[in-house]
């Protein structure tokens, strides 16, 4: 097999085994970043990781902030 064919096959296999598609991950990151911006001033991009575990998965979001947006709850 040519190297290009091997790379294409590897990408197909990786996508088949993926728990979350690239499109779904991108949408989730956009949504989580939107929510994070309600509470923080973000400094850069939001990174996302999903690790399969025995009885589910662990999702980790990581982002840097420059400020916490404090707000007062009105009663």
PDB file of N, CA and C in Angstrom:
ATOM      1  N   UNK A   1       0.832  -1.190   0.000  1.00  0.00           N
ATOM      2  CA  UNK A   1       0.000   0.000   0.000  1.00  0.00           C
ATOM      3  C   UNK A   1       0.870   1.245   0.000  1.00  0.00           C
ATOM      4  N   UNK A   2       0.360   2.260  -0.662  1.00  0.00           N
ATOM      5  CA  UNK A   2       1.070   3.527  -0.656  1.00  0.00           C
ATOM      6  C   UNK A   2       0.885   4.213   0.692  1.00  0.00           C
ATOM      7  N   UNK A   3       1.807   5.096   1.001  1.00  0.00           N
ATOM      8  CA  UNK A   3       1.756   5.796   2.289  1.00  0.00           C
ATOM      9  C   UNK A   3       0.467   6.610   2.428  1.00  0.00           C
ATOM     10  N   UNK A   4       0.036   7.236   1.339  1.00  0.00           N
ATOM     11  CA  UNK A   4      -1.198   8.031   1.375  1.00  0.00           C
ATOM     12  C   UNK A   4      -2.410   7.148   1.675  1.00  0.00           C
ATOM     13  N   UNK A   5      -2.453   5.954   1.084  1.00  0.00           N
ATOM     14  CA  UNK A   5      -3.547   5.024   1.345  1.00  0.00           C
ATOM     15  C   UNK A   5      -3.543   4.558   2.794  1.00  0.00           C
ATOM     16  N   UNK A   6      -2.361   4.320   3.339  1.00  0.00           N
ATOM     17  CA  UNK A   6      -2.251   3.916   4.745  1.00  0.00           C
ATOM     18  C   UNK A   6      -2.760   5.016   5.669  1.00  0.00           C
ATOM     19  N   UNK A   7      -2.403   6.262   5.367  1.00  0.00           N
ATOM     20  CA  UNK A   7      -2.871   7.378   6.178  1.00  0.00           C
ATOM     21  C   UNK A   7      -4.395   7.510   6.121  1.00  0.00           C
ATOM     22  N   UNK A   8      -4.947   7.358   4.932  1.00  0.00           N
ATOM     23  CA  UNK A   8      -6.400   7.452   4.769  1.00  0.00           C
ATOM     24  C   UNK A   8      -7.101   6.335   5.541  1.00  0.00           C
ATOM     25  N   UNK A   9      -6.566   5.112   5.455  1.00  0.00           N
ATOM     26  CA  UNK A   9      -7.132   3.983   6.187  1.00  0.00           C
ATOM     27  C   UNK A   9      -7.032   4.205   7.698  1.00  0.00           C
ATOM     28  N   UNK A  10      -5.903   4.713   8.151  1.00  0.00           N
ATOM     29  CA  UNK A  10      -5.724   5.005   9.575  1.00  0.00           C
ATOM     30  C   UNK A  10      -6.741   6.047  10.044  1.00  0.00           C
ATOM     31  N   UNK A  11      -6.967   7.081   9.256  1.00  0.00           N
ATOM     32  CA  UNK A  11      -7.956   8.109   9.609  1.00  0.00           C
ATOM     33  C   UNK A  11      -9.356   7.522   9.668  1.00  0.00           C
ATOM     34  N   UNK A  12      -9.702   6.643   8.734  1.00  0.00           N
ATOM     35  CA  UNK A  12     -11.018   6.004   8.741  1.00  0.00           C
ATOM     36  C   UNK A  12     -11.202   5.143   9.984  1.00  0.00           C
ATOM     37  N   UNK A  13     -10.188   4.371  10.317  1.00  0.00           N
ATOM     38  CA  UNK A  13     -10.270   3.523  11.503  1.00  0.00           C
ATOM     39  C   UNK A  13     -10.370   4.356  12.771  1.00  0.00           C
ATOM     40  N   UNK A  14      -9.631   5.438  12.837  1.00  0.00           N
ATOM     41  CA  UNK A  14      -9.671   6.306  14.013  1.00  0.00           C
ATOM     42  C   UNK A  14     -11.062   6.918  14.162  1.00  0.00           C
ATOM     43  N   UNK A  15     -11.664   7.359  13.047  1.00  0.00           N
ATOM     44  CA  UNK A  15     -13.012   7.938  13.106  1.00  0.00           C
ATOM     45  C   UNK A  15     -14.048   6.913  13.522  1.00  0.00           C
ATOM     46  N   UNK A  16     -13.902   5.666  13.049  1.00  0.00           N
ATOM     47  CA  UNK A  16     -14.841   4.606  13.412  1.00  0.00           C
ATOM     48  C   UNK A  16     -14.797   4.314  14.911  1.00  0.00           C
ATOM     49  N   UNK A  17     -13.612   4.400  15.515  1.00  0.00           N
ATOM     50  CA  UNK A  17     -13.455   4.091  16.932  1.00  0.00           C
ATOM     51  C   UNK A  17     -13.751   5.288  17.822  1.00  0.00           C
ATOM     52  N   UNK A  18     -13.860   6.474  17.232  1.00  0.00           N
ATOM     53  CA  UNK A  18     -14.054   7.680  18.029  1.00  0.00           C
ATOM     54  C   UNK A  18     -15.390   7.643  18.749  1.00  0.00           C
ATOM     55  N   UNK A  19     -15.372   8.073  19.988  1.00  0.00           N
ATOM     56  CA  UNK A  19     -16.579   8.146  20.789  1.00  0.00           C
ATOM     57  C   UNK A  19     -17.402   9.355  20.349  1.00  0.00           C
ATOM     58  N   UNK A  20     -16.721  10.407  19.908  1.00  0.00           N
ATOM     59  CA  UNK A  20     -17.384  11.637  19.498  1.00  0.00           C
ATOM     60  C   UNK A  20     -16.807  12.077  18.159  1.00  0.00           C
ATOM     61  N   UNK A  21     -17.675  12.472  17.256  1.00  0.00           N
ATOM     62  CA  UNK A  21     -17.204  12.899  15.933  1.00  0.00           C
ATOM     63  C   UNK A  21     -16.538  14.269  16.036  1.00  0.00           C
ATOM     64  N   UNK A  22     -15.753  14.605  15.034  1.00  0.00           N
ATOM     65  CA  UNK A  22     -15.080  15.909  15.013  1.00  0.00           C
ATOM     66  C   UNK A  22     -16.104  17.036  15.002  1.00  0.00           C
ATOM     67  N   UNK A  23     -17.189  16.852  14.257  1.00  0.00           N
ATOM     68  CA  UNK A  23     -18.225  17.873  14.162  1.00  0.00           C
ATOM     69  C   UNK A  23     -18.914  18.074  15.513  1.00  0.00           C
ATOM     70  N   UNK A  24     -19.223  16.984  16.179  1.00  0.00           N
ATOM     71  CA  UNK A  24     -19.879  17.058  17.482  1.00  0.00           C
ATOM     72  C   UNK A  24     -18.947  17.695  18.510  1.00  0.00           C
ATOM     73  N   UNK A  25     -17.681  17.331  18.480  1.00  0.00           N
ATOM     74  CA  UNK A  25     -16.708  17.913  19.407  1.00  0.00           C
ATOM     75  C   UNK A  25     -16.594  19.416  19.181  1.00  0.00           C
ATOM     76  N   UNK A  26     -16.523  19.829  17.921  1.00  0.00           N
ATOM     77  CA  UNK A  26     -16.418  21.259  17.611  1.00  0.00           C
ATOM     78  C   UNK A  26     -17.645  22.017  18.113  1.00  0.00           C
ATOM     79  N   UNK A  27     -18.831  21.446  17.928  1.00  0.00           N
ATOM     80  CA  UNK A  27     -20.066  22.084  18.404  1.00  0.00           C
ATOM     81  C   UNK A  27     -20.074  22.170  19.928  1.00  0.00           C
ATOM     82  N   UNK A  28     -19.648  21.104  20.595  1.00  0.00           N
ATOM     83  CA  UNK A  28     -19.611  21.102  22.059  1.00  0.00           C
ATOM     84  C   UNK A  28     -18.637  22.154  22.573  1.00  0.00           C
ATOM     85  N   UNK A  29     -17.475  22.252  21.972  1.00  0.00           N
ATOM     86  CA  UNK A  29     -16.482  23.247  22.395  1.00  0.00           C
ATOM     87  C   UNK A  29     -17.045  24.648  22.218  1.00  0.00           C
ATOM     88  N   UNK A  30     -17.715  24.915  21.091  1.00  0.00           N
ATOM     89  CA  UNK A  30     -18.333  26.233  20.881  1.00  0.00           C
ATOM     90  C   UNK A  30     -19.360  26.534  21.970  1.00  0.00           C
ATOM     91  N   UNK A  31     -20.206  25.547  22.273  1.00  0.00           N
ATOM     92  CA  UNK A  31     -21.244  25.750  23.296  1.00  0.00           C
ATOM     93  C   UNK A  31     -20.643  25.964  24.676  1.00  0.00           C
ATOM     94  N   UNK A  32     -19.660  25.135  25.048  1.00  0.00           N
ATOM     95  CA  UNK A  32     -19.028  25.282  26.355  1.00  0.00           C
ATOM     96  C   UNK A  32     -18.290  26.615  26.451  1.00  0.00           C
ATOM     97  N   UNK A  33     -17.632  27.041  25.380  1.00  0.00           N
ATOM     98  CA  UNK A  33     -16.926  28.322  25.378  1.00  0.00           C
ATOM     99  C   UNK A  33     -17.917  29.464  25.564  1.00  0.00           C
ATOM    100  N   UNK A  34     -19.081  29.360  24.940  1.00  0.00           N
ATOM    101  CA  UNK A  34     -20.114  30.391  25.085  1.00  0.00           C
ATOM    102  C   UNK A  34     -20.557  30.501  26.549  1.00  0.00           C
ATOM    103  N   UNK A  35     -20.773  29.376  27.198  1.00  0.00           N
ATOM    104  CA  UNK A  35     -21.169  29.377  28.614  1.00  0.00           C
ATOM    105  C   UNK A  35     -20.028  29.914  29.479  1.00  0.00           C
ATOM    106  N   UNK A  36     -18.805  29.485  29.211  1.00  0.00           N
ATOM    107  CA  UNK A  36     -17.651  29.941  30.002  1.00  0.00           C
ATOM    108  C   UNK A  36     -17.501  31.455  29.916  1.00  0.00           C
ATOM    109  N   UNK A  37     -17.810  32.030  28.752  1.00  0.00           N
ATOM    110  CA  UNK A  37     -17.690  33.483  28.578  1.00  0.00           C
ATOM    111  C   UNK A  37     -18.705  34.249  29.423  1.00  0.00           C
ATOM    112  N   UNK A  38     -19.748  33.583  29.870  1.00  0.00           N
ATOM    113  CA  UNK A  38     -20.714  34.229  30.756  1.00  0.00           C
ATOM    114  C   UNK A  38     -20.117  34.448  32.145  1.00  0.00           C
ATOM    115  N   UNK A  39     -19.156  33.632  32.524  1.00  0.00           N
ATOM    116  CA  UNK A  39     -18.578  33.677  33.872  1.00  0.00           C
ATOM    117  C   UNK A  39     -17.141  34.199  33.918  1.00  0.00           C
ATOM    118  N   UNK A  40     -16.431  34.123  32.797  1.00  0.00           N
ATOM    119  CA  UNK A  40     -15.016  34.472  32.769  1.00  0.00           C
ATOM    120  C   UNK A  40     -14.679  35.264  31.509  1.00  0.00           C
ATOM    121  N   UNK A  41     -13.600  36.058  31.585  1.00  0.00           N
ATOM    122  CA  UNK A  41     -12.986  36.623  30.390  1.00  0.00           C
ATOM    123  C   UNK A  41     -11.937  35.606  29.953  1.00  0.00           C
ATOM    124  N   UNK A  42     -12.155  34.989  28.814  1.00  0.00           N
ATOM    125  CA  UNK A  42     -11.260  33.935  28.340  1.00  0.00           C
ATOM    126  C   UNK A  42     -10.012  34.530  27.701  1.00  0.00           C
ATOM    127  N   UNK A  43      -8.917  33.830  27.839  1.00  0.00           N
ATOM    128  CA  UNK A  43      -7.643  34.221  27.249  1.00  0.00           C
ATOM    129  C   UNK A  43      -7.168  33.070  26.377  1.00  0.00           C
ATOM    130  N   UNK A  44      -7.672  32.986  25.184  1.00  0.00           N
ATOM    131  CA  UNK A  44      -7.294  31.898  24.281  1.00  0.00           C
ATOM    132  C   UNK A  44      -8.452  30.964  24.027  1.00  0.00           C
ATOM    133  N   UNK A  45      -8.131  29.802  23.563  1.00  0.00           N
ATOM    134  CA  UNK A  45      -9.157  28.849  23.151  1.00  0.00           C
ATOM    135  C   UNK A  45      -9.476  27.835  24.242  1.00  0.00           C
ATOM    136  N   UNK A  46     -10.613  27.210  24.088  1.00  0.00           N
ATOM    137  CA  UNK A  46     -11.054  26.150  24.992  1.00  0.00           C
ATOM    138  C   UNK A  46     -10.582  24.821  24.414  1.00  0.00           C
ATOM    139  N   UNK A  47      -9.911  24.012  25.229  1.00  0.00           N
ATOM    140  CA  UNK A  47      -9.512  22.684  24.758  1.00  0.00           C
ATOM    141  C   UNK A  47     -10.419  21.647  25.415  1.00  0.00           C
ATOM    142  N   UNK A  48     -10.622  20.562  24.711  1.00  0.00           N
ATOM    143  CA  UNK A  48     -11.592  19.542  25.081  1.00  0.00           C
ATOM    144  C   UNK A  48     -10.915  18.187  24.976  1.00  0.00           C
ATOM    145  N   UNK A  49     -11.136  17.339  25.976  1.00  0.00           N
ATOM    146  CA  UNK A  49     -10.666  15.961  25.841  1.00  0.00           C
ATOM    147  C   UNK A  49     -11.727  15.033  26.404  1.00  0.00           C
ATOM    148  N   UNK A  50     -11.833  13.863  25.817  1.00  0.00           N
ATOM    149  CA  UNK A  50     -12.781  12.858  26.253  1.00  0.00           C
ATOM    150  C   UNK A  50     -12.019  11.548  26.376  1.00  0.00           C
ATOM    151  N   UNK A  51     -12.050  10.962  27.568  1.00  0.00           N
ATOM    152  CA  UNK A  51     -11.355   9.701  27.812  1.00  0.00           C
ATOM    153  C   UNK A  51     -12.380   8.657  28.212  1.00  0.00           C
ATOM    154  N   UNK A  52     -12.377   7.573  27.477  1.00  0.00           N
ATOM    155  CA  UNK A  52     -13.290   6.489  27.816  1.00  0.00           C
ATOM    156  C   UNK A  52     -12.842   5.829  29.112  1.00  0.00           C
ATOM    157  N   UNK A  53     -13.828   5.501  29.937  1.00  0.00           N
ATOM    158  CA  UNK A  53     -13.579   4.765  31.163  1.00  0.00           C
ATOM    159  C   UNK A  53     -14.475   3.542  31.174  1.00  0.00           C
ATOM    160  N   UNK A  54     -14.314   2.714  32.178  1.00  0.00           N
ATOM    161  CA  UNK A  54     -15.043   1.448  32.228  1.00  0.00           C
ATOM    162  C   UNK A  54     -16.559   1.634  32.146  1.00  0.00           C
ATOM    163  N   UNK A  55     -17.097   2.564  32.914  1.00  0.00           N
ATOM    164  CA  UNK A  55     -18.551   2.746  32.957  1.00  0.00           C
ATOM    165  C   UNK A  55     -18.980   4.100  32.421  1.00  0.00           C
ATOM    166  N   UNK A  56     -18.277   4.633  31.444  1.00  0.00           N
ATOM    167  CA  UNK A  56     -18.638   5.935  30.881  1.00  0.00           C
ATOM    168  C   UNK A  56     -17.431   6.614  30.287  1.00  0.00           C
ATOM    169  N   UNK A  57     -17.388   7.914  30.473  1.00  0.00           N
ATOM    170  CA  UNK A  57     -16.280   8.686  29.927  1.00  0.00           C
ATOM    171  C   UNK A  57     -16.024   9.895  30.814  1.00  0.00           C
ATOM    172  N   UNK A  58     -14.809  10.400  30.748  1.00  0.00           N
ATOM    173  CA  UNK A  58     -14.402  11.582  31.481  1.00  0.00           C
ATOM    174  C   UNK A  58     -14.180  12.699  30.473  1.00  0.00           C
ATOM    175  N   UNK A  59     -14.894  13.811  30.642  1.00  0.00           N
ATOM    176  CA  UNK A  59     -14.752  14.966  29.759  1.00  0.00           C
ATOM    177  C   UNK A  59     -14.011  16.052  30.526  1.00  0.00           C
ATOM    178  N   UNK A  60     -12.987  16.609  29.893  1.00  0.00           N
ATOM    179  CA  UNK A  60     -12.215  17.681  30.513  1.00  0.00           C
ATOM    180  C   UNK A  60     -12.194  18.880  29.580  1.00  0.00           C
ATOM    181  N   UNK A  61     -12.550  20.049  30.126  1.00  0.00           N
ATOM    182  CA  UNK A  61     -12.451  21.314  29.407  1.00  0.00           C
ATOM    183  C   UNK A  61     -11.359  22.121  30.075  1.00  0.00           C
ATOM    184  N   UNK A  62     -10.504  22.726  29.270  1.00  0.00           N
ATOM    185  CA  UNK A  62      -9.415  23.533  29.815  1.00  0.00           C
ATOM    186  C   UNK A  62      -9.383  24.859  29.077  1.00  0.00           C
ATOM    187  N   UNK A  63      -9.304  25.946  29.854  1.00  0.00           N
ATOM    188  CA  UNK A  63      -9.178  27.261  29.244  1.00  0.00           C
ATOM    189  C   UNK A  63      -8.531  28.210  30.236  1.00  0.00           C
ATOM    190  N   UNK A  64      -7.836  29.213  29.698  1.00  0.00           N
ATOM    191  CA  UNK A  64      -7.200  30.231  30.536  1.00  0.00           C
ATOM    192  C   UNK A  64      -8.137  31.421  30.607  1.00  0.00           C
ATOM    193  N   UNK A  65      -8.109  32.099  31.751  1.00  0.00           N
ATOM    194  CA  UNK A  65      -8.943  33.278  31.916  1.00  0.00           C
ATOM    195  C   UNK A  65      -8.100  34.459  32.372  1.00  0.00           C
ATOM    196  N   UNK A  66      -8.612  35.650  32.146  1.00  0.00           N
ATOM    197  CA  UNK A  66      -7.952  36.853  32.644  1.00  0.00           C
ATOM    198  C   UNK A  66      -8.738  37.481  33.787  1.00  0.00           C
ATOM    199  N   UNK A  67     -10.027  37.072  33.910  1.00  0.00           N
ATOM    200  CA  UNK A  67     -10.854  37.670  34.953  1.00  0.00           C
ATOM    201  C   UNK A  67     -12.084  36.809  35.201  1.00  0.00           C
ATOM    202  N   UNK A  68     -12.506  36.775  36.461  1.00  0.00           N
ATOM    203  CA  UNK A  68     -13.782  36.154  36.836  1.00  0.00           C
ATOM    204  C   UNK A  68     -14.824  37.264  36.828  1.00  0.00           C
ATOM    205  N   UNK A  69     -15.936  37.003  36.160  1.00  0.00           N
ATOM    206  CA  UNK A  69     -17.031  37.978  36.125  1.00  0.00           C
ATOM    207  C   UNK A  69     -17.938  37.717  37.312  1.00  0.00           C
ATOM    208  N   UNK A  70     -17.783  38.500  38.357  1.00  0.00           N
ATOM    209  CA  UNK A  70     -18.644  38.363  39.527  1.00  0.00           C
ATOM    210  C   UNK A  70     -19.955  39.074  39.274  1.00  0.00           C
ATOM    211  N   UNK A  71     -21.015  38.518  39.780  1.00  0.00           N
ATOM    212  CA  UNK A  71     -22.323  39.150  39.621  1.00  0.00           C
ATOM    213  C   UNK A  71     -23.110  38.974  40.898  1.00  0.00           C
ATOM    214  N   UNK A  72     -24.097  39.818  41.068  1.00  0.00           N
ATOM    215  CA  UNK A  72     -24.939  39.783  42.251  1.00  0.00           C
ATOM    216  C   UNK A  72     -26.273  39.177  41.884  1.00  0.00           C
ATOM    217  N   UNK A  73     -26.739  38.249  42.705  1.00  0.00           N
ATOM    218  CA  UNK A  73     -28.034  37.631  42.491  1.00  0.00           C
ATOM    219  C   UNK A  73     -29.089  38.508  43.140  1.00  0.00           C
ATOM    220  N   UNK A  74     -30.081  38.904  42.352  1.00  0.00           N
ATOM    221  CA  UNK A  74     -31.176  39.711  42.889  1.00  0.00           C
ATOM    222  C   UNK A  74     -32.261  38.806  43.428  1.00  0.00           C
ATOM    223  N   UNK A  75     -32.806  39.150  44.608  1.00  0.00           N
ATOM    224  CA  UNK A  75     -33.874  38.307  45.149  1.00  0.00           C
ATOM    225  C   UNK A  75     -35.195  39.034  45.152  1.00  0.00           C
TER     226      UNK A  75
END
